[in-house]
Amino acid sequence: MKKIIHNLSIFILILFLSNCDSPTENENTHELVGSWNWIQSSFTTGSDVDIQVPDDDNYQVLTFNQDGVFTFLGLELGEELTGNGTWTTNGNTLEIKQYVSESDGEWTSMFNYSITNNILTMTMTTEGDVTTITEMKYEKQ
């Protein structure tokens, strides 16, 4: 019996120590951190819905870094699209600040976001003469 308890104790100790040595994701790493490939956008204006998906002339990759910096790259209508900025969250609200140009200055966007099964969904509602709901989906790389 002593031998079984001794062996079991050694097994538990080895298991514990091997788990300590395993690289694990930092508990403080935000769920948005990483690279995300655009998979679909929908624009709903009134009863009209326009759905867009990536193709050879249109794609986008967003990368959120732990330090609050983000970058994006891709193509829009065949034109190269790149940029960077900062990001913060408060609950399920994502704020993205991006420097656009000298004349346009900084551009800030607020999105509601959720992540389900490695799919990031970002939604923004724009009020005007007609309300427009923009929903963008990205898949984690």
N, C-alpha and C. Protein backbone atom coordinates (compact mmCIF):
# COMPACT_ATOMS: atom_id res chain seq x y z
N MET A 1 0.82 -1.19 0.00
CA MET A 1 0.00 0.00 0.00
C MET A 1 0.87 1.26 0.00
N LYS A 2 1.98 1.21 0.81
CA LYS A 2 2.88 2.37 0.85
C LYS A 2 3.47 2.63 -0.54
N LYS A 3 3.78 1.55 -1.25
CA LYS A 3 4.37 1.69 -2.57
C LYS A 3 3.37 2.35 -3.54
N ILE A 4 2.10 2.01 -3.48
CA ILE A 4 1.07 2.61 -4.34
C ILE A 4 0.92 4.09 -4.02
N ILE A 5 0.85 4.43 -2.74
CA ILE A 5 0.73 5.84 -2.35
C ILE A 5 1.97 6.62 -2.78
N HIS A 6 3.15 6.03 -2.61
CA HIS A 6 4.40 6.68 -3.01
C HIS A 6 4.40 6.93 -4.52
N ASN A 7 4.06 5.89 -5.31
CA ASN A 7 4.04 6.03 -6.76
C ASN A 7 2.99 7.05 -7.22
N LEU A 8 1.83 7.02 -6.57
CA LEU A 8 0.78 7.97 -6.90
C LEU A 8 1.22 9.40 -6.58
N SER A 9 1.90 9.59 -5.46
CA SER A 9 2.40 10.91 -5.08
C SER A 9 3.42 11.41 -6.09
N ILE A 10 4.31 10.53 -6.53
CA ILE A 10 5.31 10.91 -7.53
C ILE A 10 4.62 11.27 -8.85
N PHE A 11 3.63 10.48 -9.26
CA PHE A 11 2.89 10.75 -10.48
C PHE A 11 2.21 12.12 -10.42
N ILE A 12 1.54 12.42 -9.30
CA ILE A 12 0.86 13.71 -9.14
C ILE A 12 1.87 14.85 -9.17
N LEU A 13 3.03 14.68 -8.52
CA LEU A 13 4.07 15.71 -8.52
C LEU A 13 4.59 15.95 -9.94
N ILE A 14 4.85 14.86 -10.68
CA ILE A 14 5.33 15.00 -12.06
C ILE A 14 4.28 15.68 -12.93
N LEU A 15 3.03 15.29 -12.76
CA LEU A 15 1.94 15.92 -13.51
C LEU A 15 1.86 17.41 -13.21
N PHE A 16 1.96 17.77 -11.94
CA PHE A 16 1.90 19.17 -11.54
C PHE A 16 3.07 19.95 -12.12
N LEU A 17 4.28 19.40 -12.01
CA LEU A 17 5.46 20.10 -12.51
C LEU A 17 5.45 20.22 -14.03
N SER A 18 4.97 19.19 -14.73
CA SER A 18 4.92 19.28 -16.18
C SER A 18 3.92 20.32 -16.63
N ASN A 19 2.83 20.50 -15.89
CA ASN A 19 1.86 21.53 -16.20
C ASN A 19 2.43 22.92 -15.97
N CYS A 20 3.26 23.07 -14.95
CA CYS A 20 3.88 24.37 -14.67
C CYS A 20 4.84 24.77 -15.77
N ASP A 21 5.49 23.80 -16.40
CA ASP A 21 6.46 24.09 -17.46
C ASP A 21 5.80 24.32 -18.80
N SER A 22 4.54 23.96 -18.95
CA SER A 22 3.85 24.11 -20.23
C SER A 22 3.56 25.58 -20.49
N PRO A 23 3.85 26.04 -21.71
CA PRO A 23 3.47 27.42 -22.01
C PRO A 23 1.95 27.51 -22.06
N THR A 24 1.42 28.45 -21.34
CA THR A 24 -0.02 28.67 -21.36
C THR A 24 -0.29 30.10 -21.75
N GLU A 25 -1.46 30.34 -22.26
CA GLU A 25 -1.84 31.69 -22.65
C GLU A 25 -1.97 32.53 -21.39
N ASN A 26 -1.39 33.70 -21.42
CA ASN A 26 -1.45 34.61 -20.30
C ASN A 26 -2.90 34.92 -19.97
N GLU A 27 -3.26 34.78 -18.71
CA GLU A 27 -4.63 35.04 -18.30
C GLU A 27 -5.05 36.48 -18.59
N ASN A 28 -4.08 37.38 -18.72
CA ASN A 28 -4.39 38.78 -18.97
C ASN A 28 -4.47 39.12 -20.46
N THR A 29 -4.28 38.15 -21.33
CA THR A 29 -4.36 38.40 -22.76
C THR A 29 -5.82 38.60 -23.15
N HIS A 30 -6.09 39.71 -23.79
CA HIS A 30 -7.46 40.02 -24.20
C HIS A 30 -7.89 39.09 -25.32
N GLU A 31 -9.17 38.75 -25.34
CA GLU A 31 -9.70 37.82 -26.34
C GLU A 31 -9.58 38.33 -27.78
N LEU A 32 -9.43 39.64 -27.98
CA LEU A 32 -9.29 40.18 -29.33
C LEU A 32 -7.87 40.05 -29.88
N VAL A 33 -6.90 39.85 -28.99
CA VAL A 33 -5.50 39.82 -29.42
C VAL A 33 -5.29 38.68 -30.42
N GLY A 34 -4.70 39.04 -31.55
CA GLY A 34 -4.41 38.07 -32.61
C GLY A 34 -4.79 38.64 -33.95
N SER A 35 -4.69 37.82 -34.98
CA SER A 35 -5.02 38.23 -36.35
C SER A 35 -6.35 37.63 -36.76
N TRP A 36 -7.13 38.44 -37.48
CA TRP A 36 -8.49 38.08 -37.87
C TRP A 36 -8.67 38.31 -39.36
N ASN A 37 -9.13 37.29 -40.09
CA ASN A 37 -9.41 37.40 -41.52
C ASN A 37 -10.88 37.76 -41.73
N TRP A 38 -11.13 38.77 -42.54
CA TRP A 38 -12.49 39.18 -42.87
C TRP A 38 -13.17 38.07 -43.65
N ILE A 39 -14.41 37.71 -43.23
CA ILE A 39 -15.14 36.65 -43.94
C ILE A 39 -16.48 37.13 -44.51
N GLN A 40 -17.03 38.24 -43.97
CA GLN A 40 -18.31 38.74 -44.51
C GLN A 40 -18.66 40.08 -43.89
N SER A 41 -19.32 40.92 -44.66
CA SER A 41 -19.90 42.16 -44.16
C SER A 41 -21.33 42.26 -44.69
N SER A 42 -22.19 42.83 -43.87
CA SER A 42 -23.55 43.12 -44.34
C SER A 42 -23.88 44.55 -43.95
N PHE A 43 -24.56 45.22 -44.86
CA PHE A 43 -24.98 46.61 -44.67
C PHE A 43 -26.50 46.64 -44.84
N THR A 44 -27.20 46.95 -43.77
CA THR A 44 -28.65 46.98 -43.81
C THR A 44 -29.11 48.42 -43.70
N THR A 45 -29.78 48.90 -44.74
CA THR A 45 -30.34 50.25 -44.77
C THR A 45 -31.82 50.10 -45.06
N GLY A 46 -32.63 50.42 -44.06
CA GLY A 46 -34.06 50.19 -44.22
C GLY A 46 -34.30 48.71 -44.42
N SER A 47 -34.94 48.36 -45.53
CA SER A 47 -35.19 46.94 -45.83
C SER A 47 -34.17 46.38 -46.82
N ASP A 48 -33.22 47.21 -47.27
CA ASP A 48 -32.20 46.76 -48.22
C ASP A 48 -31.00 46.17 -47.47
N VAL A 49 -30.55 45.01 -47.91
CA VAL A 49 -29.39 44.35 -47.31
C VAL A 49 -28.37 44.08 -48.41
N ASP A 50 -27.14 44.55 -48.21
CA ASP A 50 -26.04 44.31 -49.13
C ASP A 50 -25.01 43.46 -48.40
N ILE A 51 -24.72 42.26 -48.92
CA ILE A 51 -23.75 41.37 -48.30
C ILE A 51 -22.52 41.31 -49.18
N GLN A 52 -21.34 41.45 -48.54
CA GLN A 52 -20.07 41.39 -49.25
C GLN A 52 -19.21 40.30 -48.62
N VAL A 53 -18.45 39.61 -49.47
CA VAL A 53 -17.52 38.58 -49.01
C VAL A 53 -16.18 38.82 -49.71
N PRO A 54 -15.11 38.29 -49.13
CA PRO A 54 -13.79 38.48 -49.75
C PRO A 54 -13.72 37.84 -51.14
N ASP A 55 -12.88 38.42 -51.99
CA ASP A 55 -12.56 37.86 -53.29
C ASP A 55 -11.15 38.31 -53.64
N ASP A 56 -10.72 38.10 -54.88
CA ASP A 56 -9.35 38.45 -55.26
C ASP A 56 -9.05 39.94 -55.13
N ASP A 57 -10.06 40.79 -55.23
CA ASP A 57 -9.86 42.24 -55.16
C ASP A 57 -10.28 42.86 -53.84
N ASN A 58 -10.81 42.06 -52.92
CA ASN A 58 -11.32 42.58 -51.65
C ASN A 58 -11.05 41.59 -50.52
N TYR A 59 -10.15 41.96 -49.62
CA TYR A 59 -9.93 41.17 -48.42
C TYR A 59 -9.34 42.08 -47.36
N GLN A 60 -9.34 41.60 -46.13
CA GLN A 60 -8.80 42.41 -45.04
C GLN A 60 -8.36 41.51 -43.90
N VAL A 61 -7.26 41.87 -43.28
CA VAL A 61 -6.77 41.18 -42.08
C VAL A 61 -6.57 42.25 -41.01
N LEU A 62 -7.23 42.05 -39.87
CA LEU A 62 -7.04 42.92 -38.70
C LEU A 62 -6.15 42.20 -37.71
N THR A 63 -5.22 42.93 -37.11
CA THR A 63 -4.38 42.35 -36.06
C THR A 63 -4.45 43.26 -34.85
N PHE A 64 -4.92 42.70 -33.74
CA PHE A 64 -4.99 43.42 -32.47
C PHE A 64 -3.83 42.95 -31.60
N ASN A 65 -3.01 43.88 -31.16
CA ASN A 65 -1.89 43.57 -30.28
C ASN A 65 -2.26 43.81 -28.83
N GLN A 66 -1.60 43.11 -27.93
CA GLN A 66 -1.87 43.23 -26.49
C GLN A 66 -1.65 44.66 -25.99
N ASP A 67 -0.73 45.41 -26.63
CA ASP A 67 -0.42 46.77 -26.16
C ASP A 67 -1.44 47.82 -26.61
N GLY A 68 -2.55 47.40 -27.22
CA GLY A 68 -3.58 48.34 -27.62
C GLY A 68 -3.39 48.93 -29.00
N VAL A 69 -2.45 48.41 -29.76
CA VAL A 69 -2.21 48.86 -31.14
C VAL A 69 -2.84 47.83 -32.08
N PHE A 70 -3.43 48.32 -33.16
CA PHE A 70 -3.95 47.40 -34.18
C PHE A 70 -3.41 47.81 -35.54
N THR A 71 -3.36 46.84 -36.44
CA THR A 71 -2.98 47.09 -37.83
C THR A 71 -4.00 46.41 -38.72
N PHE A 72 -4.12 46.90 -39.92
CA PHE A 72 -4.94 46.23 -40.92
C PHE A 72 -4.25 46.31 -42.25
N LEU A 73 -4.52 45.31 -43.06
CA LEU A 73 -3.99 45.29 -44.43
C LEU A 73 -4.94 44.51 -45.29
N GLY A 74 -4.88 44.78 -46.57
CA GLY A 74 -5.75 44.07 -47.50
C GLY A 74 -5.88 44.80 -48.81
N LEU A 75 -6.95 44.47 -49.51
CA LEU A 75 -7.30 45.12 -50.77
C LEU A 75 -8.75 45.54 -50.71
N GLU A 76 -9.04 46.71 -51.27
CA GLU A 76 -10.42 47.17 -51.44
C GLU A 76 -10.57 47.61 -52.88
N LEU A 77 -11.39 46.89 -53.63
CA LEU A 77 -11.56 47.13 -55.07
C LEU A 77 -10.21 47.11 -55.78
N GLY A 78 -9.32 46.20 -55.35
CA GLY A 78 -8.02 46.04 -55.96
C GLY A 78 -6.96 47.00 -55.48
N GLU A 79 -7.33 48.00 -54.69
CA GLU A 79 -6.38 48.98 -54.16
C GLU A 79 -5.87 48.51 -52.80
N GLU A 80 -4.53 48.65 -52.61
CA GLU A 80 -3.93 48.25 -51.34
C GLU A 80 -4.51 49.08 -50.20
N LEU A 81 -4.79 48.41 -49.11
CA LEU A 81 -5.41 49.03 -47.94
C LEU A 81 -4.55 48.66 -46.72
N THR A 82 -3.92 49.65 -46.10
CA THR A 82 -3.12 49.40 -44.90
C THR A 82 -3.34 50.54 -43.92
N GLY A 83 -3.07 50.26 -42.67
CA GLY A 83 -3.17 51.30 -41.66
C GLY A 83 -2.96 50.74 -40.27
N ASN A 84 -3.01 51.63 -39.31
CA ASN A 84 -2.88 51.22 -37.92
C ASN A 84 -3.55 52.24 -37.03
N GLY A 85 -3.61 51.92 -35.78
CA GLY A 85 -4.23 52.81 -34.81
C GLY A 85 -4.21 52.16 -33.45
N THR A 86 -5.14 52.57 -32.61
CA THR A 86 -5.23 52.01 -31.26
C THR A 86 -6.63 51.46 -31.04
N TRP A 87 -6.74 50.58 -30.06
CA TRP A 87 -8.02 49.98 -29.73
C TRP A 87 -8.15 49.84 -28.22
N THR A 88 -9.38 49.97 -27.75
CA THR A 88 -9.72 49.73 -26.35
C THR A 88 -11.11 49.11 -26.31
N THR A 89 -11.41 48.46 -25.20
CA THR A 89 -12.75 47.90 -25.02
C THR A 89 -13.30 48.33 -23.67
N ASN A 90 -14.62 48.34 -23.61
CA ASN A 90 -15.34 48.57 -22.37
C ASN A 90 -16.57 47.67 -22.45
N GLY A 91 -16.53 46.56 -21.73
CA GLY A 91 -17.61 45.57 -21.86
C GLY A 91 -17.56 44.99 -23.26
N ASN A 92 -18.69 45.04 -23.98
CA ASN A 92 -18.72 44.51 -25.35
C ASN A 92 -18.62 45.62 -26.39
N THR A 93 -18.10 46.79 -25.98
CA THR A 93 -17.90 47.91 -26.91
C THR A 93 -16.42 48.01 -27.27
N LEU A 94 -16.14 48.06 -28.55
CA LEU A 94 -14.78 48.20 -29.07
C LEU A 94 -14.65 49.58 -29.69
N GLU A 95 -13.64 50.32 -29.23
CA GLU A 95 -13.35 51.64 -29.81
C GLU A 95 -12.04 51.54 -30.58
N ILE A 96 -12.10 51.93 -31.85
CA ILE A 96 -10.92 51.92 -32.71
C ILE A 96 -10.62 53.35 -33.13
N LYS A 97 -9.38 53.79 -32.88
CA LYS A 97 -8.93 55.11 -33.33
C LYS A 97 -7.85 54.88 -34.38
N GLN A 98 -8.03 55.55 -35.50
CA GLN A 98 -7.12 55.37 -36.62
C GLN A 98 -6.75 56.74 -37.18
N TYR A 99 -5.45 56.93 -37.43
CA TYR A 99 -5.01 58.14 -38.12
C TYR A 99 -5.24 57.93 -39.60
N VAL A 100 -6.06 58.79 -40.21
CA VAL A 100 -6.42 58.61 -41.62
C VAL A 100 -5.47 59.39 -42.53
N SER A 101 -5.40 60.68 -42.36
CA SER A 101 -4.51 61.51 -43.18
C SER A 101 -4.35 62.86 -42.50
N GLU A 102 -3.43 63.66 -43.03
CA GLU A 102 -3.22 64.98 -42.46
C GLU A 102 -4.49 65.83 -42.52
N SER A 103 -5.19 65.74 -43.64
CA SER A 103 -6.39 66.56 -43.79
C SER A 103 -7.58 65.99 -43.00
N ASP A 104 -7.67 64.65 -42.90
CA ASP A 104 -8.80 64.04 -42.20
C ASP A 104 -8.53 63.83 -40.71
N GLY A 105 -7.25 63.79 -40.33
CA GLY A 105 -6.91 63.60 -38.92
C GLY A 105 -7.22 62.20 -38.43
N GLU A 106 -7.68 62.14 -37.18
CA GLU A 106 -7.97 60.86 -36.55
C GLU A 106 -9.44 60.49 -36.73
N TRP A 107 -9.70 59.22 -36.93
CA TRP A 107 -11.03 58.71 -37.15
C TRP A 107 -11.32 57.70 -36.05
N THR A 108 -12.45 57.87 -35.36
CA THR A 108 -12.82 56.97 -34.27
C THR A 108 -14.10 56.24 -34.62
N SER A 109 -14.10 54.92 -34.41
CA SER A 109 -15.29 54.10 -34.64
C SER A 109 -15.60 53.33 -33.38
N MET A 110 -16.89 53.20 -33.10
CA MET A 110 -17.36 52.42 -31.95
C MET A 110 -18.18 51.25 -32.48
N PHE A 111 -17.86 50.05 -32.01
CA PHE A 111 -18.56 48.84 -32.42
C PHE A 111 -19.03 48.07 -31.20
N ASN A 112 -20.14 47.41 -31.30
CA ASN A 112 -20.47 46.35 -30.37
C ASN A 112 -19.78 45.12 -30.95
N TYR A 113 -19.20 44.29 -30.10
CA TYR A 113 -18.53 43.11 -30.63
C TYR A 113 -18.83 41.88 -29.78
N SER A 114 -18.68 40.74 -30.42
CA SER A 114 -18.78 39.46 -29.73
C SER A 114 -17.88 38.47 -30.45
N ILE A 115 -17.45 37.44 -29.72
CA ILE A 115 -16.64 36.38 -30.30
C ILE A 115 -17.29 35.05 -29.95
N THR A 116 -17.62 34.28 -30.98
CA THR A 116 -18.21 32.96 -30.80
C THR A 116 -17.54 32.00 -31.76
N ASN A 117 -16.99 30.92 -31.23
CA ASN A 117 -16.33 29.89 -32.06
C ASN A 117 -15.30 30.50 -33.00
N ASN A 118 -14.43 31.36 -32.47
CA ASN A 118 -13.36 32.03 -33.23
C ASN A 118 -13.87 32.95 -34.33
N ILE A 119 -15.12 33.38 -34.24
CA ILE A 119 -15.67 34.35 -35.19
C ILE A 119 -15.93 35.65 -34.42
N LEU A 120 -15.27 36.71 -34.86
CA LEU A 120 -15.45 38.04 -34.30
C LEU A 120 -16.53 38.75 -35.11
N THR A 121 -17.58 39.20 -34.43
CA THR A 121 -18.64 39.96 -35.08
C THR A 121 -18.61 41.37 -34.53
N MET A 122 -18.46 42.36 -35.42
CA MET A 122 -18.44 43.77 -35.05
C MET A 122 -19.63 44.45 -35.70
N THR A 123 -20.43 45.15 -34.89
CA THR A 123 -21.64 45.79 -35.39
C THR A 123 -21.63 47.27 -35.05
N MET A 124 -22.03 48.09 -36.02
CA MET A 124 -22.12 49.53 -35.82
C MET A 124 -23.42 50.02 -36.44
N THR A 125 -24.14 50.87 -35.71
CA THR A 125 -25.37 51.47 -36.22
C THR A 125 -25.12 52.95 -36.47
N THR A 126 -25.46 53.41 -37.68
CA THR A 126 -25.28 54.81 -38.06
C THR A 126 -26.66 55.42 -38.26
N GLU A 127 -26.93 56.47 -37.48
CA GLU A 127 -28.22 57.16 -37.58
C GLU A 127 -28.09 58.29 -38.61
N GLY A 128 -29.10 58.47 -39.40
CA GLY A 128 -29.16 59.53 -40.38
C GLY A 128 -30.58 59.63 -40.87
N ASP A 129 -30.75 60.04 -42.13
CA ASP A 129 -32.09 60.02 -42.71
C ASP A 129 -32.67 58.61 -42.63
N VAL A 130 -31.81 57.65 -42.86
CA VAL A 130 -32.18 56.24 -42.74
C VAL A 130 -31.11 55.56 -41.90
N THR A 131 -31.50 54.70 -40.98
CA THR A 131 -30.55 53.99 -40.13
C THR A 131 -29.84 52.91 -40.93
N THR A 132 -28.51 52.84 -40.79
CA THR A 132 -27.71 51.81 -41.44
C THR A 132 -27.04 50.96 -40.36
N ILE A 133 -27.17 49.66 -40.49
CA ILE A 133 -26.51 48.73 -39.58
C ILE A 133 -25.42 48.01 -40.35
N THR A 134 -24.20 48.15 -39.89
CA THR A 134 -23.05 47.51 -40.51
C THR A 134 -22.61 46.37 -39.60
N GLU A 135 -22.50 45.17 -40.17
CA GLU A 135 -22.02 44.01 -39.41
C GLU A 135 -20.86 43.38 -40.18
N MET A 136 -19.71 43.29 -39.51
CA MET A 136 -18.53 42.69 -40.12
C MET A 136 -18.13 41.47 -39.33
N LYS A 137 -17.77 40.40 -40.05
CA LYS A 137 -17.35 39.16 -39.40
C LYS A 137 -15.94 38.81 -39.83
N TYR A 138 -15.17 38.36 -38.84
CA TYR A 138 -13.78 37.97 -39.05
C TYR A 138 -13.55 36.62 -38.36
N GLU A 139 -12.66 35.83 -38.96
CA GLU A 139 -12.31 34.54 -38.36
C GLU A 139 -10.87 34.62 -37.86
N LYS A 140 -10.63 34.12 -36.66
CA LYS A 140 -9.29 34.17 -36.08
C LYS A 140 -8.36 33.24 -36.84
N GLN A 141 -7.17 33.74 -37.14
CA GLN A 141 -6.16 32.93 -37.87
C GLN A 141 -5.56 31.91 -36.93
